[in-house]
Amino acid sequence: MTTIHQRLRAGERIWATEACFRLAGLAALAVAGWIFRQIPPRSQASPREFLAAALAVACLWAGLALALEGPGLLRLMPRPPRALF
């Protein structure tokens, strides 16, 4: 495991990685917007258009997670005291 990854898991903030994560999120949101503009409105969806819409939604999810949370996605979360199942 790299030193940067260990520092991120410990919750330390590194400005360069925050910028990279957030820029990747903004890029994913831009790709989603571009894909949405390529799909013709009010048409019978072909399999290709359905796949493009699904890809756009996936880009939206990834973009929002990266842009809003950033490197906090790699933060360790405490384990519950007992298993749910």
C-alpha atoms as a PDB file:
ATOM      1  CA  MET A   1       0.000   0.000   0.000  1.00  0.00           C
ATOM      2  CA  THR A   2       1.377   3.408  -0.903  1.00  0.00           C
ATOM      3  CA  THR A   3       2.015   6.179   1.566  1.00  0.00           C
ATOM      4  CA  ILE A   4      -0.577   8.447  -0.057  1.00  0.00           C
ATOM      5  CA  HIS A   5      -3.222   5.724   0.182  1.00  0.00           C
ATOM      6  CA  GLN A   6      -2.402   5.192   3.873  1.00  0.00           C
ATOM      7  CA  ARG A   7      -2.663   8.918   4.527  1.00  0.00           C
ATOM      8  CA  LEU A   8      -6.045   9.067   2.766  1.00  0.00           C
ATOM      9  CA  ARG A   9      -7.372   6.079   4.708  1.00  0.00           C
ATOM     10  CA  ALA A  10      -6.312   7.779   7.940  1.00  0.00           C
ATOM     11  CA  GLY A  11      -8.412  10.800   6.975  1.00  0.00           C
ATOM     12  CA  GLU A  12      -5.561  13.198   6.277  1.00  0.00           C
ATOM     13  CA  ARG A  13      -6.376  15.840   3.669  1.00  0.00           C
ATOM     14  CA  ILE A  14      -4.037  16.169   0.698  1.00  0.00           C
ATOM     15  CA  TRP A  15      -4.912  19.078  -1.570  1.00  0.00           C
ATOM     16  CA  ALA A  16      -3.596  17.475  -4.771  1.00  0.00           C
ATOM     17  CA  THR A  17      -5.666  14.310  -4.354  1.00  0.00           C
ATOM     18  CA  GLU A  18      -8.739  16.346  -3.402  1.00  0.00           C
ATOM     19  CA  ALA A  19      -8.347  18.389  -6.567  1.00  0.00           C
ATOM     20  CA  CYS A  20      -7.893  15.239  -8.686  1.00  0.00           C
ATOM     21  CA  PHE A  21     -10.937  13.503  -7.214  1.00  0.00           C
ATOM     22  CA  ARG A  22     -13.134  16.581  -7.609  1.00  0.00           C
ATOM     23  CA  LEU A  23     -11.925  17.258 -11.164  1.00  0.00           C
ATOM     24  CA  ALA A  24     -12.634  13.637 -12.061  1.00  0.00           C
ATOM     25  CA  GLY A  25     -16.128  14.112 -10.633  1.00  0.00           C
ATOM     26  CA  LEU A  26     -16.687  17.250 -12.673  1.00  0.00           C
ATOM     27  CA  ALA A  27     -15.402  15.468 -15.781  1.00  0.00           C
ATOM     28  CA  ALA A  28     -17.845  12.603 -15.186  1.00  0.00           C
ATOM     29  CA  LEU A  29     -20.684  15.111 -14.808  1.00  0.00           C
ATOM     30  CA  ALA A  30     -19.627  16.807 -18.052  1.00  0.00           C
ATOM     31  CA  VAL A  31     -19.595  13.449 -19.859  1.00  0.00           C
ATOM     32  CA  ALA A  32     -23.074  12.710 -18.506  1.00  0.00           C
ATOM     33  CA  GLY A  33     -24.343  16.073 -19.768  1.00  0.00           C
ATOM     34  CA  TRP A  34     -22.813  15.469 -23.176  1.00  0.00           C
ATOM     35  CA  ILE A  35     -24.401  12.004 -23.381  1.00  0.00           C
ATOM     36  CA  PHE A  36     -27.809  13.383 -22.393  1.00  0.00           C
ATOM     37  CA  ARG A  37     -27.579  15.932 -25.219  1.00  0.00           C
ATOM     38  CA  GLN A  38     -26.877  13.154 -27.736  1.00  0.00           C
ATOM     39  CA  ILE A  39     -30.092  11.271 -26.944  1.00  0.00           C
ATOM     40  CA  PRO A  40     -32.996  12.587 -29.042  1.00  0.00           C
ATOM     41  CA  PRO A  41     -35.970  13.707 -26.931  1.00  0.00           C
ATOM     42  CA  ARG A  42     -39.334  11.939 -27.034  1.00  0.00           C
ATOM     43  CA  SER A  43     -38.322   9.088 -29.254  1.00  0.00           C
ATOM     44  CA  GLN A  44     -38.799   5.359 -29.040  1.00  0.00           C
ATOM     45  CA  ALA A  45     -35.627   4.237 -27.289  1.00  0.00           C
ATOM     46  CA  SER A  46     -33.417   1.887 -29.242  1.00  0.00           C
ATOM     47  CA  PRO A  47     -31.060  -0.447 -27.340  1.00  0.00           C
ATOM     48  CA  ARG A  48     -28.193   1.909 -28.165  1.00  0.00           C
ATOM     49  CA  GLU A  49     -30.051   4.914 -26.724  1.00  0.00           C
ATOM     50  CA  PHE A  50     -31.028   2.923 -23.641  1.00  0.00           C
ATOM     51  CA  LEU A  51     -27.372   1.977 -23.099  1.00  0.00           C
ATOM     52  CA  ALA A  52     -26.338   5.617 -23.545  1.00  0.00           C
ATOM     53  CA  ALA A  53     -28.896   6.717 -20.960  1.00  0.00           C
ATOM     54  CA  ALA A  54     -27.717   4.054 -18.504  1.00  0.00           C
ATOM     55  CA  LEU A  55     -24.110   5.177 -19.036  1.00  0.00           C
ATOM     56  CA  ALA A  56     -25.137   8.793 -18.445  1.00  0.00           C
ATOM     57  CA  VAL A  57     -26.824   7.862 -15.168  1.00  0.00           C
ATOM     58  CA  ALA A  58     -23.727   5.925 -14.070  1.00  0.00           C
ATOM     59  CA  CYS A  59     -21.589   8.978 -14.903  1.00  0.00           C
ATOM     60  CA  LEU A  60     -23.947  11.148 -12.856  1.00  0.00           C
ATOM     61  CA  TRP A  61     -23.669   8.836  -9.833  1.00  0.00           C
ATOM     62  CA  ALA A  62     -19.888   8.638 -10.064  1.00  0.00           C
ATOM     63  CA  GLY A  63     -19.532  12.346 -10.752  1.00  0.00           C
ATOM     64  CA  LEU A  64     -21.653  13.385  -7.806  1.00  0.00           C
ATOM     65  CA  ALA A  65     -19.865  10.994  -5.452  1.00  0.00           C
ATOM     66  CA  LEU A  66     -16.429  12.181  -6.551  1.00  0.00           C
ATOM     67  CA  ALA A  67     -17.291  15.882  -6.700  1.00  0.00           C
ATOM     68  CA  LEU A  68     -19.120  16.023  -3.370  1.00  0.00           C
ATOM     69  CA  GLU A  69     -17.180  13.560  -1.233  1.00  0.00           C
ATOM     70  CA  GLY A  70     -13.798  13.497  -2.969  1.00  0.00           C
ATOM     71  CA  PRO A  71     -11.102  11.503  -1.180  1.00  0.00           C
ATOM     72  CA  GLY A  72     -13.497  10.882   1.702  1.00  0.00           C
ATOM     73  CA  LEU A  73     -14.612   7.844  -0.298  1.00  0.00           C
ATOM     74  CA  LEU A  74     -11.402   6.115   0.836  1.00  0.00           C
ATOM     75  CA  ARG A  75     -11.868   6.968   4.522  1.00  0.00           C
ATOM     76  CA  LEU A  76     -12.134   4.019   6.874  1.00  0.00           C
ATOM     77  CA  MET A  77     -15.586   3.580   8.355  1.00  0.00           C
ATOM     78  CA  PRO A  78     -16.031   2.110  11.823  1.00  0.00           C
ATOM     79  CA  ARG A  79     -17.315  -1.422  11.907  1.00  0.00           C
ATOM     80  CA  PRO A  80     -20.617  -1.991  13.741  1.00  0.00           C
ATOM     81  CA  PRO A  81     -20.240  -3.732  17.117  1.00  0.00           C
ATOM     82  CA  ARG A  82     -22.057  -6.815  15.859  1.00  0.00           C
ATOM     83  CA  ALA A  83     -23.009  -8.237  12.506  1.00  0.00           C
ATOM     84  CA  LEU A  84     -26.479  -7.498  11.168  1.00  0.00           C
ATOM     85  CA  PHE A  85     -26.945 -11.053   9.869  1.00  0.00           C
END
